[in-house]
Amino acid sequence: MPLVLPLGPNNWDTLVYYDAIHRIRMGQTPSSDFFAPVGPLGYYLAAWLDSLFPRAQPMLLVNWALLPVLLPAMAVLTEHVASRSRSLALALLLPFLLFASVPINIQSIYAISGFDGYGHYNRHVALLLYVLVATLIFARDRRLLVGLVAWLMLALFLVKVTGAVSGALLVGYAVLAGRLRLRDAVLAAVLVLVPLVVLDLATGMVRAYLDDILTLLQLNSDSLSRRFLTVASLNLDVILPCLLLLGVLAYAASRERSRPSGSGLRAVADSRPGWLAIVLIAITAFETQNTGSLEFIGLWPVVLLIMVEWQARRDGLGRIVLLLCLAVVLPNTGAFIQRTARATLAAPVYERLDLRDLGPLGQVSANPDIRERAPIMLEHYAAHQAGYRDLVAHGQMPSHLLSSQIDHQATWLLELQQGLVAIRTWEASAGRRLNGVFTLDFVDALNRLLGREPPRDLAIGIDPMRTTPPLTKEALDALNGTDAILKPACPPTVTRAIIAAHFAPALEGRRRVVLSPCWEMYLKP
């Protein structure tokens, strides 16, 4: 202790949570005082865990932030199912614990092993949907069903609204299938709305969150069909056997069931093919909005139900169904275990990066080649600025997937440390303590490291293509009240140039100070 984990792709996404944690500590409210790409629950739970474990490894802390919500729900459901079948309860619990264990996404975007520093809130929603599907299928007690549905839907809304949309689709289907009575669904909805109304009256957070959602919808207007194609192509190893399983189950149902009557229509909706289809649709709709997730783990409770029903059949059709069930769940399970094993086995031979000034944010390691390369690249970027500015002029990044490359994340952390040391050195020599800073980059981690007040009314996790709303008067006033605006330059990139241009009005009237080879400061008089 403290734990050091192998650095993974997009590690700076984890530091966005730490920016939010620091803002919450300083009295800021998500959505009301800063623009957030997702709901507030994950940030508040991460802040609570950070207060309990201030030296925690950041990727683990953020990955486990939703466990205070997830574990009680899963525990109650597991005990309920265990009263009928202990083996069935274990079959629901163990996959959940596996996928909740470590910060690993199912899809790999970089060849070198490491723990994933991005996709945290998408994994949180995937786990919430897993428990919701299991609840709708296996819960038999009315009060338990209503309570868990309300608890999970409230959490889904406060984590990521697209997860709540998929959850509402599943709950609506449960009403159609007769698993949940309409009045119970209404009661669950009331149990969700009342806390949201109370929260909004007390803080205004919910209305601000809804405003942020509308802004994000305007900023993210990509073709939905293209997103569906992306999800389908990345997860064909799961979707294809799932579609084949649907076809086989529908064929078996057509052979064994007479033409449905009015009451039979509900039975069709509550059938195994019906539930498999709706869960596949709901999860696919959610995954169209994601990069980095535990894709399609929510299929497991339905597949488990199918396997329990078909395990006693010894005919050819029964063997085909069981084989297809395994084909649906094994690819993602195998990928998760394999990627986790690679990162875990690599940890003892990786070397900790020299990030002594970053505290817990520097508790990462990398293989010796990357550890050697990162400081060399930092010096290279500083010495060859003109070449990278030429790339910016042509609208090109140094690499097409720069932020996904682990060596770049290591270099970025070294650049962050250089900026931190440079600010402390300047403050000591100038005899001036900055009241706060704002960094013209994707992540603004320096206020937490310096213990300063971040400016309000701005976005956290500044992605100029997805999460950067127009600069408002309130945001500009907040920036004008901040002593220092910082510009990192190792390397100059297109995204950094767009961010700098977006906030250019805030630089007017400030004095440019060269802090270090990789950092400039625009100082308020």
Protein backbone atom coordinates (compact mmCIF):
# COMPACT_ATOMS: atom_id res chain seq x y z
CA MET A 1 0.00 0.00 0.00
CA PRO A 2 -0.60 2.39 -1.65
CA LEU A 3 -1.47 0.28 -4.68
CA VAL A 4 0.22 0.97 -8.02
CA LEU A 5 -1.52 -0.31 -11.16
CA PRO A 6 -0.33 -0.63 -14.75
CA LEU A 7 -1.24 2.48 -16.71
CA GLY A 8 -3.94 1.97 -19.33
CA PRO A 9 -5.46 3.82 -22.29
CA ASN A 10 -7.12 7.20 -21.70
CA ASN A 11 -6.04 7.30 -18.06
CA TRP A 12 -6.80 11.03 -17.96
CA ASP A 13 -10.54 10.18 -18.01
CA THR A 14 -10.10 8.96 -14.43
CA LEU A 15 -8.64 12.33 -13.49
CA VAL A 16 -11.85 14.00 -14.70
CA TYR A 17 -13.52 12.33 -11.71
CA TYR A 18 -10.84 13.77 -9.44
CA ASP A 19 -11.52 17.23 -10.85
CA ALA A 20 -15.20 16.70 -9.95
CA ILE A 21 -14.28 15.36 -6.49
CA HIS A 22 -12.21 18.47 -5.80
CA ARG A 23 -14.97 20.78 -7.02
CA ILE A 24 -17.51 19.04 -4.77
CA ARG A 25 -15.10 19.46 -1.83
CA MET A 26 -14.91 23.17 -2.67
CA GLY A 27 -18.69 23.46 -2.45
CA GLN A 28 -19.51 23.23 -6.15
CA THR A 29 -22.55 21.26 -7.35
CA PRO A 30 -22.45 19.13 -10.51
CA SER A 31 -24.43 20.61 -13.41
CA SER A 32 -25.31 23.69 -11.34
CA ASP A 33 -21.72 24.94 -10.88
CA PHE A 34 -19.92 23.01 -13.60
CA PHE A 35 -20.95 21.32 -16.83
CA ALA A 36 -20.68 17.55 -16.44
CA PRO A 37 -20.93 14.96 -19.23
CA VAL A 38 -22.91 12.55 -17.01
CA GLY A 39 -25.03 12.54 -13.87
CA PRO A 40 -23.87 13.52 -10.38
CA LEU A 41 -24.18 10.23 -8.48
CA GLY A 42 -20.86 8.74 -9.59
CA TYR A 43 -19.02 11.94 -8.69
CA TYR A 44 -20.55 12.15 -5.20
CA LEU A 45 -19.91 8.50 -4.42
CA ALA A 46 -16.33 8.83 -5.68
CA ALA A 47 -15.89 11.90 -3.45
CA TRP A 48 -17.18 9.92 -0.47
CA LEU A 49 -14.83 7.01 -1.15
CA ASP A 50 -11.95 9.45 -1.65
CA SER A 51 -12.62 10.90 1.81
CA LEU A 52 -12.45 7.37 3.27
CA PHE A 53 -9.43 6.23 1.22
CA PRO A 54 -7.37 9.33 0.32
CA ARG A 55 -4.43 7.21 -0.92
CA ALA A 56 -6.55 4.90 -3.08
CA GLN A 57 -5.42 4.02 -6.58
CA PRO A 58 -7.65 6.33 -8.69
CA MET A 59 -8.73 3.76 -11.30
CA LEU A 60 -9.88 1.36 -8.58
CA LEU A 61 -11.64 4.05 -6.56
CA VAL A 62 -13.62 5.34 -9.54
CA ASN A 63 -14.37 1.83 -10.80
CA TRP A 64 -15.82 0.89 -7.41
CA ALA A 65 -17.68 4.18 -6.87
CA LEU A 66 -21.13 2.65 -7.57
CA LEU A 67 -20.65 -0.38 -5.32
CA PRO A 68 -22.43 1.33 -2.39
CA VAL A 69 -25.52 1.31 -4.63
CA LEU A 70 -24.94 -1.95 -6.48
CA LEU A 71 -23.88 -4.30 -3.69
CA PRO A 72 -26.95 -3.82 -1.43
CA ALA A 73 -29.28 -4.35 -4.40
CA MET A 74 -27.43 -7.46 -5.52
CA ALA A 75 -27.24 -8.79 -1.97
CA VAL A 76 -31.00 -8.48 -1.45
CA LEU A 77 -31.75 -10.07 -4.81
CA THR A 78 -29.26 -12.89 -4.24
CA GLU A 79 -30.77 -13.74 -0.85
CA HIS A 80 -34.25 -13.72 -2.41
CA VAL A 81 -33.23 -16.07 -5.23
CA ALA A 82 -31.21 -18.28 -2.86
CA SER A 83 -34.38 -19.07 -0.92
CA ARG A 84 -35.47 -21.01 -4.03
CA SER A 85 -32.12 -22.11 -5.43
CA ARG A 86 -28.64 -21.44 -4.04
CA SER A 87 -26.99 -22.51 -7.30
CA LEU A 88 -29.16 -20.09 -9.30
CA ALA A 89 -28.32 -17.28 -6.87
CA LEU A 90 -24.60 -17.99 -7.24
CA ALA A 91 -24.95 -18.08 -11.02
CA LEU A 92 -26.32 -14.54 -10.85
CA LEU A 93 -23.90 -13.25 -8.22
CA LEU A 94 -20.53 -14.55 -9.43
CA PRO A 95 -20.62 -12.98 -12.94
CA PHE A 96 -21.68 -9.68 -11.35
CA LEU A 97 -18.75 -9.78 -8.91
CA LEU A 98 -16.36 -10.71 -11.71
CA PHE A 99 -17.34 -7.78 -13.94
CA ALA A 100 -17.45 -5.33 -11.01
CA SER A 101 -14.00 -6.36 -9.76
CA VAL A 102 -11.47 -4.33 -11.76
CA PRO A 103 -11.35 -1.38 -14.21
CA ILE A 104 -11.28 -3.42 -17.42
CA ASN A 105 -13.38 -2.86 -20.54
CA ILE A 106 -14.32 -5.78 -22.74
CA GLN A 107 -13.03 -4.17 -25.93
CA SER A 108 -9.29 -3.48 -26.15
CA ILE A 109 -8.07 -0.39 -27.98
CA TYR A 110 -4.35 -0.73 -27.25
CA ALA A 111 -2.09 -3.75 -27.57
CA ILE A 112 -0.03 -3.30 -24.38
CA SER A 113 -1.66 -4.56 -21.19
CA GLY A 114 -2.94 -2.15 -18.54
CA PHE A 115 -6.04 -1.22 -16.59
CA ASP A 116 -8.54 0.97 -18.42
CA GLY A 117 -8.70 4.54 -17.18
CA TYR A 118 -11.84 5.35 -19.19
CA GLY A 119 -15.42 4.15 -19.56
CA HIS A 120 -16.08 4.17 -15.81
CA TYR A 121 -19.64 5.49 -15.94
CA ASN A 122 -20.47 3.17 -18.85
CA ARG A 123 -19.34 0.19 -16.78
CA HIS A 124 -21.41 1.50 -13.87
CA VAL A 125 -24.52 1.59 -16.07
CA ALA A 126 -23.80 -1.87 -17.52
CA LEU A 127 -23.71 -3.29 -13.98
CA LEU A 128 -26.90 -1.45 -13.00
CA LEU A 129 -28.67 -2.84 -16.07
CA TYR A 130 -27.40 -6.33 -15.19
CA VAL A 131 -29.01 -6.11 -11.75
CA LEU A 132 -32.20 -4.57 -13.20
CA VAL A 133 -32.60 -7.38 -15.75
CA ALA A 134 -31.95 -9.98 -13.05
CA THR A 135 -34.52 -8.30 -10.80
CA LEU A 136 -37.23 -8.16 -13.46
CA ILE A 137 -36.72 -11.83 -14.33
CA PHE A 138 -36.04 -13.49 -10.98
CA ALA A 139 -37.75 -11.35 -8.29
CA ARG A 140 -41.04 -12.89 -7.10
CA ASP A 141 -41.89 -10.70 -4.10
CA ARG A 142 -43.93 -7.61 -5.05
CA ARG A 143 -42.39 -5.25 -2.49
CA LEU A 144 -38.88 -6.39 -3.35
CA LEU A 145 -39.56 -5.95 -7.07
CA VAL A 146 -40.95 -2.44 -6.68
CA GLY A 147 -38.20 -1.38 -4.27
CA LEU A 148 -35.33 -2.66 -6.41
CA VAL A 149 -36.78 -1.25 -9.64
CA ALA A 150 -37.14 2.18 -8.03
CA TRP A 151 -33.65 2.03 -6.47
CA LEU A 152 -31.98 0.97 -9.72
CA MET A 153 -33.90 3.37 -11.97
CA LEU A 154 -33.06 6.29 -9.67
CA ALA A 155 -29.38 5.31 -9.80
CA LEU A 156 -29.48 4.89 -13.59
CA PHE A 157 -30.94 8.37 -14.05
CA LEU A 158 -28.38 9.96 -11.74
CA VAL A 159 -25.44 8.16 -13.39
CA LYS A 160 -26.22 8.48 -17.10
CA VAL A 161 -29.56 9.32 -18.66
CA THR A 162 -29.10 6.95 -21.62
CA GLY A 163 -28.91 4.13 -19.09
CA ALA A 164 -32.19 5.29 -17.59
CA VAL A 165 -33.78 5.26 -21.07
CA SER A 166 -32.73 1.63 -21.57
CA GLY A 167 -33.90 0.81 -18.05
CA ALA A 168 -37.30 2.40 -18.69
CA LEU A 169 -37.63 0.30 -21.85
CA LEU A 170 -37.00 -2.86 -19.82
CA VAL A 171 -39.43 -1.84 -17.06
CA GLY A 172 -42.10 -1.00 -19.64
CA TYR A 173 -41.64 -4.40 -21.23
CA ALA A 174 -41.94 -6.05 -17.80
CA VAL A 175 -45.37 -4.41 -17.46
CA LEU A 176 -46.35 -5.65 -20.93
CA ALA A 177 -45.17 -9.16 -20.07
CA GLY A 178 -47.01 -9.21 -16.75
CA ARG A 179 -43.87 -9.42 -14.61
CA LEU A 180 -44.69 -6.03 -13.11
CA ARG A 181 -48.20 -4.76 -12.57
CA LEU A 182 -48.99 -1.33 -13.97
CA ARG A 183 -49.80 0.12 -10.55
CA ASP A 184 -46.51 -1.27 -9.21
CA ALA A 185 -44.66 0.39 -12.08
CA VAL A 186 -46.41 3.66 -11.27
CA LEU A 187 -45.47 3.24 -7.60
CA ALA A 188 -41.84 2.65 -8.60
CA ALA A 189 -41.94 5.75 -10.80
CA VAL A 190 -43.25 7.80 -7.85
CA LEU A 191 -40.46 6.42 -5.67
CA VAL A 192 -37.99 7.67 -8.29
CA LEU A 193 -39.61 11.07 -8.87
CA VAL A 194 -40.08 12.07 -5.22
CA PRO A 195 -36.35 11.99 -4.34
CA LEU A 196 -35.56 13.81 -7.60
CA VAL A 197 -38.08 16.55 -6.79
CA VAL A 198 -36.74 16.91 -3.24
CA LEU A 199 -33.16 17.00 -4.56
CA ASP A 200 -34.05 19.63 -7.13
CA LEU A 201 -35.89 21.82 -4.63
CA ALA A 202 -32.90 21.65 -2.29
CA THR A 203 -30.12 22.18 -4.84
CA GLY A 204 -31.54 22.87 -8.32
CA MET A 205 -29.28 20.06 -9.49
CA VAL A 206 -31.87 18.02 -11.41
CA ARG A 207 -33.01 20.89 -13.62
CA ALA A 208 -29.39 21.81 -14.29
CA TYR A 209 -28.65 18.17 -15.10
CA LEU A 210 -31.52 18.09 -17.60
CA ASP A 211 -30.21 21.31 -19.17
CA ASP A 212 -26.79 19.67 -19.53
CA ILE A 213 -28.42 16.66 -21.21
CA LEU A 214 -30.14 18.90 -23.76
CA THR A 215 -26.84 20.65 -24.44
CA LEU A 216 -25.08 17.32 -24.94
CA LEU A 217 -27.79 16.20 -27.36
CA GLN A 218 -27.14 19.32 -29.44
CA LEU A 219 -23.37 18.77 -29.35
CA ASN A 220 -23.61 15.07 -30.25
CA SER A 221 -25.71 14.76 -33.37
CA ASP A 222 -23.94 11.88 -35.11
CA SER A 223 -26.02 9.49 -37.19
CA LEU A 224 -27.71 6.90 -34.97
CA SER A 225 -27.54 4.30 -37.74
CA ARG A 226 -23.75 4.70 -37.89
CA ARG A 227 -23.52 4.17 -34.13
CA PHE A 228 -25.63 0.99 -34.35
CA LEU A 229 -23.30 -0.30 -37.08
CA THR A 230 -20.29 0.45 -34.87
CA VAL A 231 -21.78 -1.44 -31.92
CA ALA A 232 -22.78 -4.37 -34.14
CA SER A 233 -19.36 -4.64 -35.76
CA LEU A 234 -17.46 -4.45 -32.46
CA ASN A 235 -19.71 -7.01 -30.76
CA LEU A 236 -20.55 -9.35 -33.62
CA ASP A 237 -19.19 -12.29 -31.63
CA VAL A 238 -22.03 -11.75 -29.12
CA ILE A 239 -24.81 -10.32 -31.29
CA LEU A 240 -24.65 -12.99 -34.01
CA PRO A 241 -25.05 -16.02 -31.68
CA CYS A 242 -27.71 -14.06 -29.78
CA LEU A 243 -29.70 -13.59 -32.99
CA LEU A 244 -29.24 -17.28 -33.85
CA LEU A 245 -30.43 -18.20 -30.35
CA LEU A 246 -33.49 -16.01 -30.83
CA GLY A 247 -34.24 -17.77 -34.10
CA VAL A 248 -33.90 -21.25 -32.58
CA LEU A 249 -36.07 -20.33 -29.58
CA ALA A 250 -38.72 -18.80 -31.84
CA TYR A 251 -38.69 -21.96 -33.97
CA ALA A 252 -39.05 -24.15 -30.89
CA ALA A 253 -41.90 -21.99 -29.60
CA SER A 254 -43.73 -22.17 -32.94
CA ARG A 255 -43.56 -25.97 -32.82
CA GLU A 256 -44.77 -26.31 -29.24
CA ARG A 257 -47.35 -23.55 -28.87
CA SER A 258 -50.76 -23.15 -30.45
CA ARG A 259 -51.92 -19.86 -31.95
CA PRO A 260 -51.94 -17.31 -29.10
CA SER A 261 -55.17 -15.91 -27.73
CA GLY A 262 -55.51 -12.55 -26.01
CA SER A 263 -54.02 -13.94 -22.82
CA GLY A 264 -51.48 -15.83 -24.91
CA LEU A 265 -50.03 -12.58 -26.21
CA ARG A 266 -48.81 -11.76 -22.71
CA ALA A 267 -47.31 -15.23 -22.51
CA VAL A 268 -45.47 -14.57 -25.77
CA ALA A 269 -44.13 -11.29 -24.37
CA ASP A 270 -43.00 -13.11 -21.21
CA SER A 271 -41.33 -15.87 -23.20
CA ARG A 272 -37.61 -16.50 -23.29
CA PRO A 273 -37.27 -15.17 -26.88
CA GLY A 274 -39.25 -12.07 -25.93
CA TRP A 275 -37.00 -11.22 -22.99
CA LEU A 276 -33.85 -12.02 -24.90
CA ALA A 277 -34.91 -9.71 -27.73
CA ILE A 278 -35.87 -6.76 -25.53
CA VAL A 279 -32.69 -6.97 -23.43
CA LEU A 280 -30.60 -7.14 -26.60
CA ILE A 281 -32.40 -4.08 -27.99
CA ALA A 282 -32.15 -2.09 -24.74
CA ILE A 283 -28.44 -2.79 -24.24
CA THR A 284 -27.63 -2.12 -27.89
CA ALA A 285 -29.40 1.24 -27.66
CA PHE A 286 -27.33 2.11 -24.59
CA GLU A 287 -24.04 1.00 -26.11
CA THR A 288 -24.52 3.25 -29.15
CA GLN A 289 -23.63 6.18 -26.86
CA ASN A 290 -20.48 4.67 -25.36
CA THR A 291 -16.75 4.22 -25.74
CA GLY A 292 -15.48 1.67 -23.24
CA SER A 293 -17.94 -0.52 -21.38
CA LEU A 294 -18.94 -3.99 -20.19
CA GLU A 295 -20.95 -4.54 -23.34
CA PHE A 296 -23.90 -6.95 -23.20
CA ILE A 297 -23.22 -8.45 -19.76
CA GLY A 298 -26.92 -7.73 -19.07
CA LEU A 299 -27.79 -10.66 -21.35
CA TRP A 300 -26.51 -13.13 -18.77
CA PRO A 301 -29.63 -13.27 -16.50
CA VAL A 302 -31.83 -14.06 -19.53
CA VAL A 303 -29.39 -16.62 -20.90
CA LEU A 304 -29.21 -18.20 -17.44
CA LEU A 305 -33.00 -18.55 -17.42
CA ILE A 306 -32.90 -20.19 -20.84
CA MET A 307 -30.16 -22.61 -19.78
CA VAL A 308 -32.06 -23.62 -16.64
CA GLU A 309 -35.16 -24.33 -18.72
CA TRP A 310 -33.35 -26.26 -21.47
CA GLN A 311 -30.72 -28.16 -19.51
CA ALA A 312 -32.95 -31.18 -19.01
CA ARG A 313 -33.62 -31.61 -22.73
CA ARG A 314 -31.44 -34.23 -24.39
CA ASP A 315 -32.61 -33.85 -27.97
CA GLY A 316 -30.67 -32.13 -30.73
CA LEU A 317 -32.57 -28.85 -30.35
CA GLY A 318 -31.73 -28.74 -26.66
CA ARG A 319 -28.02 -29.18 -27.35
CA ILE A 320 -28.13 -26.42 -29.98
CA VAL A 321 -29.81 -24.02 -27.52
CA LEU A 322 -27.25 -24.70 -24.79
CA LEU A 323 -24.38 -24.32 -27.26
CA LEU A 324 -25.74 -20.98 -28.46
CA CYS A 325 -26.23 -19.82 -24.86
CA LEU A 326 -22.56 -20.45 -24.21
CA ALA A 327 -21.67 -18.70 -27.47
CA VAL A 328 -23.53 -15.59 -26.24
CA VAL A 329 -21.89 -15.29 -22.81
CA LEU A 330 -18.40 -16.76 -23.25
CA PRO A 331 -16.82 -14.20 -25.65
CA ASN A 332 -17.21 -11.21 -23.33
CA THR A 333 -16.47 -13.24 -20.21
CA GLY A 334 -13.33 -14.66 -21.81
CA ALA A 335 -12.20 -11.24 -23.05
CA PHE A 336 -12.67 -9.69 -19.60
CA ILE A 337 -10.77 -12.49 -17.83
CA GLN A 338 -7.99 -12.49 -20.40
CA ARG A 339 -7.46 -8.71 -20.28
CA THR A 340 -7.62 -8.72 -16.46
CA ALA A 341 -5.11 -11.56 -16.25
CA ARG A 342 -2.71 -9.78 -18.63
CA ALA A 343 -2.81 -6.53 -16.65
CA THR A 344 -2.51 -8.33 -13.30
CA LEU A 345 0.37 -10.57 -14.35
CA ALA A 346 2.21 -7.59 -15.86
CA ALA A 347 1.98 -5.52 -12.66
CA PRO A 348 4.93 -7.14 -10.79
CA VAL A 349 7.36 -6.59 -13.68
CA TYR A 350 6.21 -3.07 -14.59
CA GLU A 351 8.07 -0.09 -13.13
CA ARG A 352 6.45 2.81 -11.30
CA LEU A 353 6.64 6.10 -13.16
CA ASP A 354 8.53 8.92 -11.48
CA LEU A 355 5.52 11.04 -10.56
CA ARG A 356 6.35 11.77 -6.93
CA ASP A 357 4.58 15.15 -6.89
CA LEU A 358 1.21 13.86 -8.11
CA GLY A 359 0.24 11.87 -5.01
CA PRO A 360 -2.37 9.18 -5.72
CA LEU A 361 -2.71 10.42 -9.32
CA GLY A 362 0.83 9.15 -9.90
CA GLN A 363 0.26 5.63 -8.57
CA VAL A 364 0.75 4.02 -11.99
CA SER A 365 3.38 1.84 -13.59
CA ALA A 366 4.39 0.92 -17.13
CA ASN A 367 6.66 -1.52 -18.87
CA PRO A 368 10.35 -0.50 -18.92
CA ASP A 369 10.22 0.61 -22.57
CA ILE A 370 7.40 3.07 -21.94
CA ARG A 371 8.96 4.27 -18.69
CA GLU A 372 12.13 5.06 -20.66
CA ARG A 373 10.28 6.54 -23.62
CA ALA A 374 7.93 8.96 -21.77
CA PRO A 375 10.54 11.51 -20.52
CA ILE A 376 12.36 11.33 -23.85
CA MET A 377 9.13 12.18 -25.68
CA LEU A 378 8.46 15.07 -23.29
CA GLU A 379 11.85 16.56 -24.14
CA HIS A 380 11.29 15.85 -27.84
CA TYR A 381 7.93 17.66 -27.85
CA ALA A 382 9.51 20.67 -26.13
CA ALA A 383 12.45 20.82 -28.58
CA HIS A 384 10.43 20.36 -31.79
CA GLN A 385 7.39 22.58 -31.35
CA ALA A 386 7.41 23.83 -34.95
CA GLY A 387 6.86 20.39 -36.43
CA TYR A 388 3.83 19.70 -34.23
CA ARG A 389 2.39 23.15 -34.91
CA ASP A 390 2.65 22.30 -38.60
CA LEU A 391 0.52 19.19 -37.95
CA VAL A 392 -2.00 21.38 -36.10
CA ALA A 393 -2.13 23.73 -39.10
CA HIS A 394 -3.03 20.74 -41.27
CA GLY A 395 -5.67 19.58 -38.78
CA GLN A 396 -3.77 16.44 -37.82
CA MET A 397 -2.86 14.88 -34.49
CA PRO A 398 0.62 13.41 -33.85
CA SER A 399 -1.14 10.04 -33.88
CA HIS A 400 -4.68 9.15 -34.92
CA LEU A 401 -5.41 7.56 -31.51
CA LEU A 402 -3.02 9.64 -29.42
CA SER A 403 -4.95 9.68 -26.13
CA SER A 404 -5.50 5.92 -26.32
CA GLN A 405 -1.77 5.23 -26.40
CA ILE A 406 -0.35 4.28 -23.03
CA ASP A 407 3.01 5.91 -23.77
CA HIS A 408 1.25 9.22 -24.44
CA GLN A 409 -0.68 8.96 -21.18
CA ALA A 410 2.64 8.42 -19.38
CA THR A 411 4.13 11.46 -21.12
CA TRP A 412 1.02 13.50 -20.29
CA LEU A 413 1.39 12.68 -16.59
CA LEU A 414 5.04 13.78 -16.70
CA GLU A 415 3.92 16.99 -18.40
CA LEU A 416 1.35 17.50 -15.62
CA GLN A 417 4.03 17.04 -12.98
CA GLN A 418 6.30 19.51 -14.78
CA GLY A 419 3.50 22.09 -14.74
CA LEU A 420 2.82 21.51 -11.04
CA VAL A 421 6.48 21.95 -10.08
CA ALA A 422 6.80 25.01 -12.34
CA ILE A 423 3.82 26.75 -10.70
CA ARG A 424 5.14 26.09 -7.20
CA THR A 425 8.56 27.39 -8.24
CA TRP A 426 7.07 30.54 -9.81
CA GLU A 427 4.89 31.24 -6.75
CA ALA A 428 7.91 30.92 -4.48
CA SER A 429 10.03 33.27 -6.61
CA ALA A 430 7.24 35.79 -7.33
CA GLY A 431 5.90 35.85 -3.77
CA ARG A 432 2.35 35.44 -5.08
CA ARG A 433 -0.14 32.68 -4.36
CA LEU A 434 -2.52 32.04 -7.24
CA ASN A 435 -6.17 31.84 -6.20
CA GLY A 436 -6.83 29.18 -8.83
CA VAL A 437 -5.92 28.01 -12.32
CA PHE A 438 -7.66 26.90 -15.48
CA THR A 439 -5.91 24.54 -17.90
CA LEU A 440 -6.52 24.66 -21.65
CA ASP A 441 -6.62 20.89 -21.95
CA PHE A 442 -8.98 17.92 -21.68
CA VAL A 443 -8.40 17.53 -17.94
CA ASP A 444 -7.81 20.20 -15.31
CA ALA A 445 -6.12 18.35 -12.44
CA LEU A 446 -3.87 21.12 -11.13
CA ASN A 447 -6.39 22.77 -8.80
CA ARG A 448 -6.70 19.54 -6.82
CA LEU A 449 -2.93 19.11 -6.70
CA LEU A 450 -2.42 22.75 -5.64
CA GLY A 451 -5.44 22.88 -3.34
CA ARG A 452 -6.96 25.87 -5.15
CA GLU A 453 -10.48 26.93 -6.16
CA PRO A 454 -11.47 25.89 -9.72
CA PRO A 455 -13.48 28.43 -11.73
CA ARG A 456 -17.23 27.74 -11.87
CA ASP A 457 -19.62 27.50 -14.84
CA LEU A 458 -17.16 25.51 -16.96
CA ALA A 459 -17.05 21.97 -18.28
CA ILE A 460 -15.02 19.15 -16.80
CA GLY A 461 -13.50 16.78 -19.34
CA ILE A 462 -13.27 19.31 -22.19
CA ASP A 463 -13.75 17.44 -25.44
CA PRO A 464 -14.14 20.10 -28.15
CA MET A 465 -16.10 17.66 -30.31
CA ARG A 466 -18.52 16.37 -27.67
CA THR A 467 -18.62 18.20 -24.32
CA THR A 468 -17.76 21.85 -24.85
CA PRO A 469 -20.80 24.14 -24.67
CA PRO A 470 -20.61 27.73 -25.94
CA LEU A 471 -18.70 30.14 -23.71
CA THR A 472 -21.28 32.01 -21.62
CA LYS A 473 -20.95 35.35 -19.84
CA GLU A 474 -20.96 33.53 -16.49
CA ALA A 475 -18.13 31.27 -17.61
CA LEU A 476 -16.13 34.21 -18.92
CA ASP A 477 -16.65 36.11 -15.66
CA ALA A 478 -15.45 33.06 -13.71
CA LEU A 479 -12.34 32.84 -15.86
CA ASN A 480 -11.68 36.55 -15.46
CA GLY A 481 -11.69 36.03 -11.71
CA THR A 482 -9.11 33.23 -11.91
CA ASP A 483 -5.49 34.31 -11.53
CA ALA A 484 -3.89 31.93 -14.04
CA ILE A 485 -4.88 30.28 -17.30
CA LEU A 486 -2.40 27.58 -18.25
CA LYS A 487 -1.47 26.38 -21.71
CA PRO A 488 0.33 23.04 -22.03
CA ALA A 489 2.35 22.51 -25.20
CA CYS A 490 3.99 19.07 -25.17
CA PRO A 491 2.84 18.41 -27.78
CA PRO A 492 0.71 21.06 -29.50
CA THR A 493 -2.36 19.22 -30.81
CA VAL A 494 -5.49 20.03 -32.76
CA THR A 495 -7.71 19.54 -29.72
CA ARG A 496 -5.56 21.80 -27.55
CA ALA A 497 -5.61 24.43 -30.30
CA ILE A 498 -9.42 24.25 -30.54
CA ILE A 499 -9.76 24.53 -26.76
CA ALA A 500 -7.38 27.53 -26.69
CA ALA A 501 -9.33 29.23 -29.48
CA HIS A 502 -12.63 28.54 -27.66
CA PHE A 503 -11.39 30.26 -24.49
CA ALA A 504 -9.38 32.97 -26.28
CA PRO A 505 -11.60 35.83 -24.97
CA ALA A 506 -10.48 34.98 -21.44
CA LEU A 507 -6.82 35.50 -22.37
CA GLU A 508 -7.26 39.14 -23.30
CA GLY A 509 -5.36 41.56 -21.04
CA ARG A 510 -3.30 38.82 -19.39
CA ARG A 511 0.48 38.67 -19.24
CA ARG A 512 2.16 35.65 -20.83
CA VAL A 513 4.69 33.92 -18.58
CA VAL A 514 6.84 30.98 -19.72
CA LEU A 515 6.83 28.61 -16.77
CA SER A 516 8.76 25.69 -18.25
CA PRO A 517 9.58 24.10 -21.63
CA CYS A 518 6.03 22.66 -21.79
CA TRP A 519 3.91 25.26 -19.98
CA GLU A 520 2.86 28.87 -20.48
CA MET A 521 0.83 30.86 -17.98
CA TYR A 522 -1.50 33.75 -18.84
CA LEU A 523 -1.47 35.77 -15.66
CA LYS A 524 -4.20 38.09 -14.44
CA PRO A 525 -2.75 41.54 -13.57
